[in-house]
Amino acid sequence: MNGEWHRALRELRKAAKRRDKADKDRRQAAEDVRTFIRVARHAGVPITQIAAEAGLSRQAVYDVLGERLSA
């Protein structure tokens, strides 16, 4: 193995670690969004506003809350 191999493998390991951290952060952020959707709804925030603030559709908010979209 030459120096280029070592560098490539070192950078590959670093990139894999960053990817793993990003995946973990994304899962945590999704859980936080679900939690605060429930908190906001419990506080009386309208579904439309929750959806807008979260960057989600109203249906996605209803899905998190386990409610049906009233058409």
Protein backbone atom coordinates (compact mmCIF):
# COMPACT_ATOMS: atom_id res chain seq x y z
CA MET A 1 0.00 0.00 0.00
CA ASN A 2 1.28 3.41 -0.88
CA GLY A 3 0.58 6.81 0.63
CA GLU A 4 -2.29 7.43 -1.77
CA TRP A 5 -4.05 4.26 -0.58
CA HIS A 6 -3.66 5.26 3.05
CA ARG A 7 -5.01 8.73 2.37
CA ALA A 8 -7.96 7.39 0.36
CA LEU A 9 -8.88 4.86 3.05
CA ARG A 10 -8.51 7.44 5.83
CA GLU A 11 -10.78 9.87 3.97
CA LEU A 12 -13.25 7.06 3.25
CA ARG A 13 -13.45 6.20 6.97
CA LYS A 14 -13.98 9.88 7.83
CA ALA A 15 -16.73 10.21 5.23
CA ALA A 16 -18.45 7.07 6.53
CA LYS A 17 -18.38 8.46 10.08
CA ARG A 18 -19.87 11.76 8.88
CA ARG A 19 -22.60 9.85 7.04
CA ASP A 20 -23.41 7.82 10.15
CA LYS A 21 -23.59 10.99 12.25
CA ALA A 22 -25.82 12.67 9.67
CA ASP A 23 -28.15 9.65 9.68
CA LYS A 24 -28.35 9.75 13.48
CA ASP A 25 -28.94 13.52 13.47
CA ARG A 26 -31.69 13.13 10.85
CA ARG A 27 -33.47 10.45 12.91
CA GLN A 28 -33.27 12.66 16.01
CA ALA A 29 -34.56 15.69 14.11
CA ALA A 30 -37.50 13.67 12.77
CA GLU A 31 -38.35 12.52 16.30
CA ASP A 32 -38.12 16.13 17.53
CA VAL A 33 -40.48 17.27 14.77
CA ARG A 34 -42.97 14.55 15.74
CA THR A 35 -42.72 15.53 19.40
CA PHE A 36 -43.25 19.23 18.79
CA ILE A 37 -46.09 18.63 16.36
CA ARG A 38 -47.89 16.97 19.25
CA VAL A 39 -46.88 19.74 21.67
CA ALA A 40 -48.06 22.45 19.27
CA ARG A 41 -51.37 20.71 18.63
CA HIS A 42 -51.95 20.21 22.36
CA ALA A 43 -51.33 23.96 22.79
CA GLY A 44 -54.06 24.64 20.25
CA VAL A 45 -51.95 25.61 17.23
CA PRO A 46 -53.97 25.07 14.03
CA ILE A 47 -52.93 22.16 11.81
CA THR A 48 -52.34 24.52 8.87
CA GLN A 49 -49.86 26.59 10.88
CA ILE A 50 -48.09 23.51 12.26
CA ALA A 51 -47.71 22.18 8.72
CA ALA A 52 -46.36 25.50 7.45
CA GLU A 53 -43.86 25.85 10.30
CA ALA A 54 -42.66 22.25 9.91
CA GLY A 55 -42.49 22.37 6.13
CA LEU A 56 -44.93 19.48 5.89
CA SER A 57 -48.28 18.87 4.29
CA ARG A 58 -51.36 18.99 6.49
CA GLN A 59 -51.78 15.27 5.78
CA ALA A 60 -48.31 14.55 7.14
CA VAL A 61 -49.19 16.44 10.33
CA TYR A 62 -52.44 14.48 10.66
CA ASP A 63 -50.47 11.27 10.09
CA VAL A 64 -48.11 12.13 12.96
CA LEU A 65 -51.08 12.91 15.19
CA GLY A 66 -52.88 9.75 14.14
CA GLU A 67 -55.91 11.77 13.07
CA ARG A 68 -57.86 11.78 9.85
CA LEU A 69 -57.79 14.74 7.51
CA SER A 70 -61.24 16.29 7.53
CA ALA A 71 -62.11 17.07 3.92
